[in-house]
N, C-alpha and C. Protein backbone atom coordinates (compact mmCIF):
# COMPACT_ATOMS: atom_id res chain seq x y z
N UNK A 1 12.31 16.38 14.41
CA UNK A 1 12.72 15.41 13.41
C UNK A 1 13.17 16.12 12.15
N UNK A 2 14.02 15.43 11.43
CA UNK A 2 14.56 15.90 10.16
C UNK A 2 13.44 16.01 9.13
N UNK A 3 13.34 17.14 8.44
CA UNK A 3 12.27 17.37 7.47
C UNK A 3 12.84 17.36 6.05
N UNK A 4 12.66 16.26 5.35
CA UNK A 4 13.21 16.09 4.00
C UNK A 4 12.59 17.09 3.02
N UNK A 5 11.32 17.41 3.19
CA UNK A 5 10.64 18.31 2.26
C UNK A 5 11.33 19.67 2.21
N UNK A 6 11.83 20.12 3.34
CA UNK A 6 12.43 21.45 3.39
C UNK A 6 13.78 21.52 2.69
N UNK A 7 14.44 20.40 2.46
CA UNK A 7 15.77 20.46 1.85
C UNK A 7 15.89 19.73 0.52
N UNK A 8 14.84 19.06 0.06
CA UNK A 8 14.98 18.20 -1.12
C UNK A 8 15.36 18.97 -2.38
N UNK A 9 14.83 20.14 -2.61
CA UNK A 9 15.19 20.87 -3.83
C UNK A 9 16.65 21.32 -3.78
N UNK A 10 17.10 21.75 -2.62
CA UNK A 10 18.51 22.14 -2.48
C UNK A 10 19.42 20.93 -2.65
N UNK A 11 19.01 19.79 -2.08
CA UNK A 11 19.82 18.57 -2.20
C UNK A 11 19.85 18.10 -3.65
N UNK A 12 18.73 18.16 -4.33
CA UNK A 12 18.67 17.76 -5.74
C UNK A 12 19.61 18.63 -6.57
N UNK A 13 19.62 19.92 -6.32
CA UNK A 13 20.52 20.83 -7.04
C UNK A 13 21.98 20.48 -6.77
N UNK A 14 22.29 20.13 -5.52
CA UNK A 14 23.65 19.73 -5.17
C UNK A 14 24.05 18.48 -5.96
N UNK A 15 23.16 17.50 -6.01
CA UNK A 15 23.45 16.28 -6.77
C UNK A 15 23.64 16.59 -8.26
N UNK A 16 22.73 17.37 -8.81
CA UNK A 16 22.82 17.72 -10.23
C UNK A 16 24.12 18.45 -10.54
N UNK A 17 24.53 19.34 -9.68
CA UNK A 17 25.76 20.09 -9.88
C UNK A 17 27.00 19.19 -9.80
N UNK A 18 27.03 18.32 -8.79
CA UNK A 18 28.22 17.49 -8.58
C UNK A 18 28.28 16.24 -9.45
N UNK A 19 27.16 15.80 -9.97
CA UNK A 19 27.14 14.54 -10.71
C UNK A 19 26.88 14.71 -12.20
N UNK A 20 26.99 15.93 -12.69
CA UNK A 20 26.65 16.18 -14.10
C UNK A 20 27.70 15.68 -15.09
N UNK A 21 28.94 15.55 -14.68
CA UNK A 21 29.98 15.16 -15.63
C UNK A 21 30.80 14.00 -15.10
N UNK A 22 30.14 12.87 -14.89
CA UNK A 22 30.84 11.69 -14.42
C UNK A 22 31.40 10.90 -15.59
N UNK A 23 32.41 10.12 -15.31
CA UNK A 23 32.99 9.23 -16.31
C UNK A 23 32.11 7.99 -16.43
N UNK A 24 32.11 7.33 -17.58
CA UNK A 24 31.31 6.11 -17.73
C UNK A 24 31.59 5.06 -16.66
N UNK A 25 32.85 4.88 -16.27
CA UNK A 25 33.16 3.91 -15.23
C UNK A 25 32.51 4.29 -13.90
N UNK A 26 32.46 5.58 -13.61
CA UNK A 26 31.80 6.03 -12.38
C UNK A 26 30.31 5.69 -12.43
N UNK A 27 29.68 5.94 -13.58
CA UNK A 27 28.25 5.63 -13.73
C UNK A 27 28.01 4.13 -13.55
N UNK A 28 28.89 3.33 -14.08
CA UNK A 28 28.74 1.88 -13.98
C UNK A 28 28.89 1.42 -12.53
N UNK A 29 29.87 1.92 -11.83
CA UNK A 29 30.07 1.55 -10.42
C UNK A 29 28.89 2.01 -9.56
N UNK A 30 28.35 3.16 -9.87
CA UNK A 30 27.18 3.65 -9.16
C UNK A 30 26.00 2.70 -9.41
N UNK A 31 25.83 2.26 -10.63
CA UNK A 31 24.75 1.32 -10.94
C UNK A 31 24.90 0.03 -10.14
N UNK A 32 26.12 -0.49 -10.03
CA UNK A 32 26.35 -1.70 -9.24
C UNK A 32 25.99 -1.46 -7.77
N UNK A 33 26.41 -0.32 -7.25
CA UNK A 33 26.15 -0.01 -5.83
C UNK A 33 24.65 0.06 -5.55
N UNK A 34 23.93 0.74 -6.42
CA UNK A 34 22.49 0.89 -6.19
C UNK A 34 21.75 -0.42 -6.44
N UNK A 35 22.17 -1.20 -7.41
CA UNK A 35 21.52 -2.50 -7.66
C UNK A 35 21.61 -3.37 -6.41
N UNK A 36 22.77 -3.36 -5.78
CA UNK A 36 22.91 -4.15 -4.55
C UNK A 36 21.97 -3.65 -3.46
N UNK A 37 21.78 -2.36 -3.39
CA UNK A 37 20.83 -1.81 -2.42
C UNK A 37 19.41 -2.28 -2.74
N UNK A 38 18.99 -2.17 -4.00
CA UNK A 38 17.62 -2.53 -4.35
C UNK A 38 17.32 -3.99 -4.03
N UNK A 39 18.34 -4.85 -4.16
CA UNK A 39 18.12 -6.26 -3.85
C UNK A 39 18.04 -6.53 -2.35
N UNK A 40 18.26 -5.52 -1.52
CA UNK A 40 18.01 -5.64 -0.08
C UNK A 40 16.53 -5.42 0.25
N UNK A 41 15.81 -4.82 -0.67
CA UNK A 41 14.39 -4.54 -0.43
C UNK A 41 13.59 -5.84 -0.52
N UNK A 42 12.45 -5.88 0.15
CA UNK A 42 11.67 -7.12 0.15
C UNK A 42 11.09 -7.46 -1.22
N UNK A 43 11.13 -8.75 -1.53
CA UNK A 43 10.44 -9.32 -2.69
C UNK A 43 10.90 -8.79 -4.05
N UNK A 44 12.17 -8.45 -4.18
CA UNK A 44 12.67 -7.93 -5.46
C UNK A 44 12.55 -8.97 -6.56
N UNK A 45 13.03 -10.17 -6.29
CA UNK A 45 12.98 -11.20 -7.33
C UNK A 45 11.54 -11.55 -7.68
N UNK A 46 10.65 -11.57 -6.68
CA UNK A 46 9.25 -11.84 -6.93
C UNK A 46 8.61 -10.73 -7.76
N UNK A 47 8.97 -9.50 -7.48
CA UNK A 47 8.45 -8.37 -8.24
C UNK A 47 8.86 -8.48 -9.70
N UNK A 48 10.12 -8.78 -9.92
CA UNK A 48 10.59 -8.89 -11.31
C UNK A 48 9.92 -10.06 -12.02
N UNK A 49 9.72 -11.15 -11.30
CA UNK A 49 9.08 -12.32 -11.92
C UNK A 49 7.59 -12.04 -12.18
N UNK A 50 6.89 -11.49 -11.18
CA UNK A 50 5.45 -11.27 -11.32
C UNK A 50 5.10 -10.16 -12.30
N UNK A 51 5.88 -9.10 -12.31
CA UNK A 51 5.54 -7.94 -13.16
C UNK A 51 6.20 -7.98 -14.54
N UNK A 52 7.42 -8.55 -14.59
CA UNK A 52 8.16 -8.53 -15.86
C UNK A 52 8.34 -9.92 -16.47
N UNK A 53 8.04 -10.94 -15.70
CA UNK A 53 8.24 -12.30 -16.20
C UNK A 53 9.69 -12.71 -16.26
N UNK A 54 10.52 -12.13 -15.41
CA UNK A 54 11.97 -12.39 -15.42
C UNK A 54 12.37 -13.05 -14.10
N UNK A 55 13.04 -14.17 -14.21
CA UNK A 55 13.62 -14.80 -13.02
C UNK A 55 15.10 -14.46 -13.01
N UNK A 56 15.52 -13.80 -11.94
CA UNK A 56 16.93 -13.43 -11.81
C UNK A 56 17.29 -13.35 -10.34
N UNK A 57 18.56 -13.26 -10.09
CA UNK A 57 19.08 -13.07 -8.74
C UNK A 57 19.90 -11.80 -8.73
N UNK A 58 20.27 -11.37 -7.54
CA UNK A 58 21.14 -10.19 -7.43
C UNK A 58 22.44 -10.43 -8.19
N UNK A 59 23.05 -11.59 -7.96
CA UNK A 59 24.32 -11.89 -8.61
C UNK A 59 24.20 -11.89 -10.13
N UNK A 60 23.12 -12.47 -10.64
CA UNK A 60 22.92 -12.50 -12.10
C UNK A 60 22.67 -11.10 -12.64
N UNK A 61 21.89 -10.31 -11.91
CA UNK A 61 21.61 -8.95 -12.34
C UNK A 61 22.91 -8.14 -12.42
N UNK A 62 23.74 -8.25 -11.39
CA UNK A 62 25.02 -7.53 -11.37
C UNK A 62 25.92 -8.02 -12.51
N UNK A 63 25.95 -9.31 -12.72
CA UNK A 63 26.75 -9.88 -13.81
C UNK A 63 26.27 -9.35 -15.16
N UNK A 64 24.96 -9.28 -15.33
CA UNK A 64 24.42 -8.75 -16.58
C UNK A 64 24.74 -7.27 -16.75
N UNK A 65 24.72 -6.51 -15.66
CA UNK A 65 25.14 -5.11 -15.73
C UNK A 65 26.61 -5.02 -16.16
N UNK A 66 27.42 -5.84 -15.54
CA UNK A 66 28.86 -5.84 -15.84
C UNK A 66 29.13 -6.16 -17.30
N UNK A 67 28.39 -7.13 -17.83
CA UNK A 67 28.61 -7.60 -19.20
C UNK A 67 27.76 -6.87 -20.24
N UNK A 68 26.99 -5.89 -19.79
CA UNK A 68 26.09 -5.16 -20.69
C UNK A 68 25.13 -6.10 -21.41
N UNK A 69 24.59 -7.07 -20.67
CA UNK A 69 23.65 -8.03 -21.24
C UNK A 69 22.28 -7.91 -20.55
N UNK A 70 21.83 -6.70 -20.41
CA UNK A 70 20.55 -6.46 -19.76
C UNK A 70 19.43 -6.25 -20.77
N UNK A 71 19.67 -6.57 -22.03
CA UNK A 71 18.68 -6.35 -23.08
C UNK A 71 17.34 -7.01 -22.76
N UNK A 72 17.37 -8.20 -22.16
CA UNK A 72 16.13 -8.92 -21.87
C UNK A 72 15.30 -8.19 -20.80
N UNK A 73 15.97 -7.50 -19.89
CA UNK A 73 15.24 -6.72 -18.89
C UNK A 73 14.69 -5.45 -19.53
N UNK A 74 15.49 -4.83 -20.39
CA UNK A 74 15.01 -3.65 -21.10
C UNK A 74 13.76 -3.99 -21.90
N UNK A 75 13.80 -5.12 -22.62
CA UNK A 75 12.65 -5.53 -23.42
C UNK A 75 11.43 -5.79 -22.53
N UNK A 76 11.65 -6.44 -21.39
CA UNK A 76 10.54 -6.73 -20.48
C UNK A 76 9.95 -5.44 -19.91
N UNK A 77 10.79 -4.48 -19.58
CA UNK A 77 10.30 -3.19 -19.07
C UNK A 77 9.50 -2.46 -20.14
N UNK A 78 10.01 -2.45 -21.37
CA UNK A 78 9.30 -1.80 -22.48
C UNK A 78 7.96 -2.48 -22.74
N UNK A 79 7.97 -3.81 -22.71
CA UNK A 79 6.74 -4.57 -22.95
C UNK A 79 5.73 -4.28 -21.83
N UNK A 80 6.20 -4.27 -20.59
CA UNK A 80 5.32 -3.98 -19.46
C UNK A 80 4.69 -2.60 -19.63
N UNK A 81 5.51 -1.61 -19.95
CA UNK A 81 5.00 -0.25 -20.13
C UNK A 81 3.99 -0.18 -21.27
N UNK A 82 4.29 -0.86 -22.38
CA UNK A 82 3.42 -0.82 -23.55
C UNK A 82 2.10 -1.54 -23.31
N UNK A 83 2.15 -2.62 -22.55
CA UNK A 83 0.96 -3.44 -22.34
C UNK A 83 0.12 -3.03 -21.14
N UNK A 84 0.64 -2.14 -20.32
CA UNK A 84 -0.09 -1.74 -19.12
C UNK A 84 -1.15 -0.73 -19.49
N UNK A 85 -2.37 -1.10 -19.23
CA UNK A 85 -3.51 -0.22 -19.49
C UNK A 85 -4.24 -0.02 -18.16
N UNK A 86 -4.08 1.13 -17.57
CA UNK A 86 -4.65 1.37 -16.26
C UNK A 86 -6.17 1.40 -16.26
N UNK A 87 -6.77 1.42 -17.44
CA UNK A 87 -8.22 1.42 -17.53
C UNK A 87 -8.79 0.04 -17.83
N UNK A 88 -7.92 -0.94 -18.00
CA UNK A 88 -8.38 -2.30 -18.28
C UNK A 88 -8.98 -2.93 -17.03
N UNK A 89 -9.92 -3.84 -17.24
CA UNK A 89 -10.58 -4.51 -16.12
C UNK A 89 -9.61 -5.32 -15.28
N UNK A 90 -8.58 -5.87 -15.92
CA UNK A 90 -7.64 -6.72 -15.20
C UNK A 90 -6.39 -5.96 -14.71
N UNK A 91 -6.44 -4.64 -14.76
CA UNK A 91 -5.30 -3.83 -14.33
C UNK A 91 -5.05 -4.02 -12.84
N UNK A 92 -3.78 -4.28 -12.51
CA UNK A 92 -3.37 -4.40 -11.12
C UNK A 92 -2.33 -3.32 -10.87
N UNK A 93 -2.68 -2.39 -9.99
CA UNK A 93 -1.77 -1.29 -9.69
C UNK A 93 -0.57 -1.80 -8.89
N UNK A 94 0.60 -1.30 -9.24
CA UNK A 94 1.81 -1.68 -8.52
C UNK A 94 1.77 -1.11 -7.11
N UNK A 95 2.29 -1.88 -6.18
CA UNK A 95 2.48 -1.38 -4.82
C UNK A 95 3.61 -0.34 -4.85
N UNK A 96 3.63 0.60 -3.92
CA UNK A 96 4.68 1.62 -3.93
C UNK A 96 6.11 1.04 -3.97
N UNK A 97 6.36 -0.02 -3.22
CA UNK A 97 7.70 -0.59 -3.24
C UNK A 97 8.01 -1.27 -4.57
N UNK A 98 7.00 -1.82 -5.24
CA UNK A 98 7.21 -2.39 -6.56
C UNK A 98 7.62 -1.30 -7.55
N UNK A 99 6.97 -0.16 -7.45
CA UNK A 99 7.34 0.98 -8.30
C UNK A 99 8.79 1.37 -8.04
N UNK A 100 9.16 1.46 -6.77
CA UNK A 100 10.54 1.82 -6.41
C UNK A 100 11.53 0.79 -6.92
N UNK A 101 11.23 -0.48 -6.75
CA UNK A 101 12.12 -1.54 -7.20
C UNK A 101 12.32 -1.47 -8.71
N UNK A 102 11.23 -1.46 -9.45
CA UNK A 102 11.35 -1.45 -10.91
C UNK A 102 12.01 -0.17 -11.41
N UNK A 103 11.68 0.97 -10.80
CA UNK A 103 12.32 2.23 -11.20
C UNK A 103 13.81 2.20 -10.91
N UNK A 104 14.16 1.71 -9.73
CA UNK A 104 15.57 1.65 -9.35
C UNK A 104 16.38 0.75 -10.25
N UNK A 105 15.88 -0.44 -10.52
CA UNK A 105 16.61 -1.37 -11.38
C UNK A 105 16.70 -0.82 -12.81
N UNK A 106 15.63 -0.18 -13.26
CA UNK A 106 15.67 0.46 -14.58
C UNK A 106 16.72 1.57 -14.60
N UNK A 107 16.80 2.37 -13.54
CA UNK A 107 17.83 3.41 -13.45
C UNK A 107 19.22 2.80 -13.57
N UNK A 108 19.42 1.67 -12.90
CA UNK A 108 20.73 1.00 -12.96
C UNK A 108 21.05 0.55 -14.38
N UNK A 109 20.08 -0.05 -15.03
CA UNK A 109 20.28 -0.58 -16.37
C UNK A 109 20.62 0.52 -17.37
N UNK A 110 19.95 1.65 -17.25
CA UNK A 110 20.14 2.73 -18.21
C UNK A 110 21.15 3.79 -17.76
N UNK A 111 21.90 3.53 -16.70
CA UNK A 111 22.78 4.56 -16.14
C UNK A 111 23.88 5.00 -17.11
N UNK A 112 24.32 4.13 -18.00
CA UNK A 112 25.34 4.54 -18.97
C UNK A 112 24.73 5.32 -20.13
N UNK A 113 23.54 4.93 -20.52
CA UNK A 113 22.87 5.59 -21.64
C UNK A 113 22.22 6.91 -21.24
N UNK A 114 21.76 6.96 -20.00
CA UNK A 114 21.05 8.14 -19.49
C UNK A 114 21.68 8.55 -18.17
N UNK A 115 22.74 9.35 -18.21
CA UNK A 115 23.44 9.73 -16.97
C UNK A 115 22.55 10.38 -15.91
N UNK A 116 21.43 10.98 -16.30
CA UNK A 116 20.53 11.56 -15.30
C UNK A 116 19.94 10.50 -14.38
N UNK A 117 20.00 9.23 -14.80
CA UNK A 117 19.50 8.15 -13.95
C UNK A 117 20.34 7.98 -12.70
N UNK A 118 21.60 8.42 -12.76
CA UNK A 118 22.46 8.36 -11.56
C UNK A 118 21.83 9.22 -10.47
N UNK A 119 21.45 10.42 -10.81
CA UNK A 119 20.82 11.32 -9.84
C UNK A 119 19.49 10.72 -9.38
N UNK A 120 18.75 10.13 -10.28
CA UNK A 120 17.48 9.50 -9.92
C UNK A 120 17.69 8.39 -8.89
N UNK A 121 18.78 7.64 -9.00
CA UNK A 121 19.04 6.59 -8.02
C UNK A 121 19.27 7.18 -6.63
N UNK A 122 20.04 8.23 -6.55
CA UNK A 122 20.27 8.87 -5.26
C UNK A 122 18.95 9.35 -4.65
N UNK A 123 18.14 9.99 -5.47
CA UNK A 123 16.87 10.52 -4.98
C UNK A 123 15.89 9.40 -4.63
N UNK A 124 15.99 8.28 -5.33
CA UNK A 124 15.09 7.16 -5.04
C UNK A 124 15.38 6.56 -3.67
N UNK A 125 16.62 6.52 -3.27
CA UNK A 125 16.92 6.02 -1.92
C UNK A 125 16.27 6.93 -0.89
N UNK A 126 16.31 8.22 -1.13
CA UNK A 126 15.64 9.15 -0.22
C UNK A 126 14.14 8.86 -0.19
N UNK A 127 13.55 8.66 -1.36
CA UNK A 127 12.12 8.35 -1.43
C UNK A 127 11.78 7.07 -0.67
N UNK A 128 12.62 6.06 -0.82
CA UNK A 128 12.39 4.78 -0.15
C UNK A 128 12.45 4.95 1.37
N UNK A 129 13.47 5.64 1.85
CA UNK A 129 13.59 5.85 3.29
C UNK A 129 12.43 6.71 3.81
N UNK A 130 12.03 7.69 3.02
CA UNK A 130 10.89 8.53 3.39
C UNK A 130 9.60 7.70 3.44
N UNK A 131 9.43 6.80 2.51
CA UNK A 131 8.28 5.89 2.51
C UNK A 131 8.23 5.09 3.81
N UNK A 132 9.37 4.52 4.18
CA UNK A 132 9.42 3.75 5.42
C UNK A 132 9.14 4.63 6.64
N UNK A 133 9.66 5.85 6.61
CA UNK A 133 9.40 6.75 7.73
C UNK A 133 7.90 7.02 7.86
N UNK A 134 7.24 7.22 6.74
CA UNK A 134 5.82 7.57 6.76
C UNK A 134 4.90 6.40 7.09
N UNK A 135 5.32 5.17 6.80
CA UNK A 135 4.40 4.04 6.94
C UNK A 135 4.84 2.99 7.97
N UNK A 136 5.91 3.23 8.65
CA UNK A 136 6.35 2.24 9.65
C UNK A 136 5.90 2.67 11.04
N UNK A 137 6.07 1.76 11.96
CA UNK A 137 5.77 2.11 13.34
C UNK A 137 7.01 2.62 14.08
N UNK A 138 8.09 2.86 13.31
CA UNK A 138 9.33 3.41 13.87
C UNK A 138 9.78 4.63 13.05
N UNK A 139 8.96 5.66 12.98
CA UNK A 139 9.32 6.80 12.13
C UNK A 139 10.62 7.49 12.56
N UNK A 140 10.93 7.50 13.83
CA UNK A 140 12.16 8.15 14.29
C UNK A 140 13.39 7.42 13.75
N UNK A 141 13.32 6.10 13.75
CA UNK A 141 14.42 5.29 13.23
C UNK A 141 14.67 5.60 11.75
N UNK A 142 13.60 5.60 10.97
CA UNK A 142 13.73 5.86 9.53
C UNK A 142 14.12 7.31 9.27
N UNK A 143 13.65 8.21 10.09
CA UNK A 143 14.02 9.61 9.95
C UNK A 143 15.52 9.80 10.18
N UNK A 144 16.06 9.10 11.17
CA UNK A 144 17.51 9.17 11.43
C UNK A 144 18.28 8.62 10.24
N UNK A 145 17.81 7.49 9.68
CA UNK A 145 18.48 6.94 8.49
C UNK A 145 18.40 7.91 7.32
N UNK A 146 17.28 8.55 7.17
CA UNK A 146 17.10 9.53 6.10
C UNK A 146 18.06 10.70 6.26
N UNK A 147 18.18 11.20 7.45
CA UNK A 147 19.12 12.30 7.73
C UNK A 147 20.56 11.87 7.44
N UNK A 148 20.92 10.68 7.89
CA UNK A 148 22.27 10.16 7.63
C UNK A 148 22.50 9.95 6.14
N UNK A 149 21.48 9.51 5.43
CA UNK A 149 21.60 9.29 3.98
C UNK A 149 21.86 10.59 3.24
N UNK A 150 21.18 11.64 3.61
CA UNK A 150 21.39 12.95 2.96
C UNK A 150 22.85 13.37 3.14
N UNK A 151 23.36 13.25 4.33
CA UNK A 151 24.76 13.62 4.60
C UNK A 151 25.70 12.72 3.81
N UNK A 152 25.42 11.44 3.79
CA UNK A 152 26.24 10.48 3.06
C UNK A 152 26.26 10.82 1.57
N UNK A 153 25.10 11.15 1.02
CA UNK A 153 25.03 11.51 -0.39
C UNK A 153 25.82 12.77 -0.71
N UNK A 154 25.81 13.72 0.19
CA UNK A 154 26.61 14.94 -0.02
C UNK A 154 28.09 14.58 -0.11
N UNK A 155 28.54 13.71 0.78
CA UNK A 155 29.94 13.29 0.77
C UNK A 155 30.29 12.50 -0.50
N UNK A 156 29.41 11.59 -0.88
CA UNK A 156 29.64 10.80 -2.10
C UNK A 156 29.68 11.71 -3.32
N UNK A 157 28.72 12.62 -3.42
CA UNK A 157 28.66 13.53 -4.57
C UNK A 157 29.95 14.34 -4.69
N UNK A 158 30.45 14.80 -3.57
CA UNK A 158 31.71 15.57 -3.57
C UNK A 158 32.87 14.70 -4.06
N UNK A 159 32.96 13.49 -3.55
CA UNK A 159 34.05 12.59 -3.96
C UNK A 159 33.94 12.23 -5.43
N UNK A 160 32.73 11.96 -5.89
CA UNK A 160 32.54 11.62 -7.30
C UNK A 160 32.91 12.79 -8.21
N UNK A 161 32.54 13.99 -7.79
CA UNK A 161 32.86 15.17 -8.60
C UNK A 161 34.37 15.41 -8.70
N UNK A 162 35.11 14.84 -7.74
CA UNK A 162 36.57 14.93 -7.77
C UNK A 162 37.22 13.76 -8.49
N UNK A 163 36.41 12.94 -9.16
CA UNK A 163 36.94 11.87 -10.00
C UNK A 163 37.04 10.51 -9.35
N UNK A 164 36.66 10.39 -8.09
CA UNK A 164 36.73 9.08 -7.43
C UNK A 164 35.66 8.14 -7.97
N UNK A 165 35.92 6.85 -7.89
CA UNK A 165 34.92 5.85 -8.21
C UNK A 165 34.24 5.42 -6.93
N UNK A 166 32.96 5.13 -7.02
CA UNK A 166 32.20 4.67 -5.88
C UNK A 166 32.47 3.19 -5.66
N UNK A 167 32.72 2.81 -4.44
CA UNK A 167 32.86 1.40 -4.10
C UNK A 167 31.51 0.75 -4.35
N UNK A 168 31.48 -0.28 -5.16
CA UNK A 168 30.20 -0.87 -5.54
C UNK A 168 29.50 -1.60 -4.40
N UNK A 169 30.16 -1.81 -3.29
CA UNK A 169 29.54 -2.46 -2.14
C UNK A 169 29.08 -1.47 -1.08
N UNK A 170 29.26 -0.19 -1.31
CA UNK A 170 29.04 0.81 -0.27
C UNK A 170 27.59 0.81 0.24
N UNK A 171 26.63 0.75 -0.64
CA UNK A 171 25.24 0.78 -0.19
C UNK A 171 24.81 -0.55 0.42
N UNK A 172 25.32 -1.63 -0.10
CA UNK A 172 25.04 -2.93 0.50
C UNK A 172 25.55 -2.96 1.93
N UNK A 173 26.79 -2.53 2.12
CA UNK A 173 27.38 -2.54 3.47
C UNK A 173 26.64 -1.59 4.41
N UNK A 174 26.23 -0.47 3.90
CA UNK A 174 25.54 0.53 4.72
C UNK A 174 24.17 0.04 5.20
N UNK A 175 23.47 -0.69 4.33
CA UNK A 175 22.09 -1.06 4.63
C UNK A 175 21.83 -2.55 4.82
N UNK A 176 22.86 -3.36 4.83
CA UNK A 176 22.65 -4.82 4.91
C UNK A 176 21.99 -5.26 6.21
N UNK A 177 22.11 -4.50 7.27
CA UNK A 177 21.51 -4.86 8.55
C UNK A 177 20.20 -4.13 8.83
N UNK A 178 19.72 -3.39 7.86
CA UNK A 178 18.45 -2.69 8.01
C UNK A 178 17.34 -3.65 7.59
N UNK A 179 16.32 -3.74 8.40
CA UNK A 179 15.22 -4.64 8.11
C UNK A 179 14.15 -3.92 7.29
N UNK A 180 14.24 -4.06 5.98
CA UNK A 180 13.27 -3.42 5.10
C UNK A 180 11.95 -4.20 5.06
N UNK A 181 11.93 -5.38 5.67
CA UNK A 181 10.70 -6.17 5.71
C UNK A 181 9.70 -5.64 6.71
N UNK A 182 10.18 -4.85 7.65
CA UNK A 182 9.30 -4.33 8.70
C UNK A 182 8.70 -3.00 8.28
N UNK A 183 7.44 -3.00 8.13
CA UNK A 183 6.74 -1.75 7.81
C UNK A 183 5.43 -1.67 8.56
């Protein structure tokens, strides 16, 4: 089986090298592409509502990204971070997928302000697929997806470094038939 641990540092360096000088439009298109992927994960809207107090849909989230009107999500994330006390009696630890969802959507929101979040989004997809590989009853299936994702990311990084824009539907199309509900 494909061993992500053995190549992750080399892959991260490849991403950092190829994605260090993207244009703002490229960063924005990447944010759209990854947001669509994150909304394929189970219980995204419930996670945002339960943890951040925000009711939204994929379409509304994308529209807010497009219009740069994500201030309410930024405020909710900041409030959540400020109010979370892991030592409080009522502290509820986030499930691993909730962490991935909130981190991913935050990466999308801040992708123009913090270009390093673009690289974080690529690496987060690897983490998500690795999570499924480790905790599902179909590790070979997830391992194959993980291997394909690494290759896909190499190709995308090369194209982006040559000035191309990422098709904002690419990750949705790639993963729309993957059942992320099964773990």
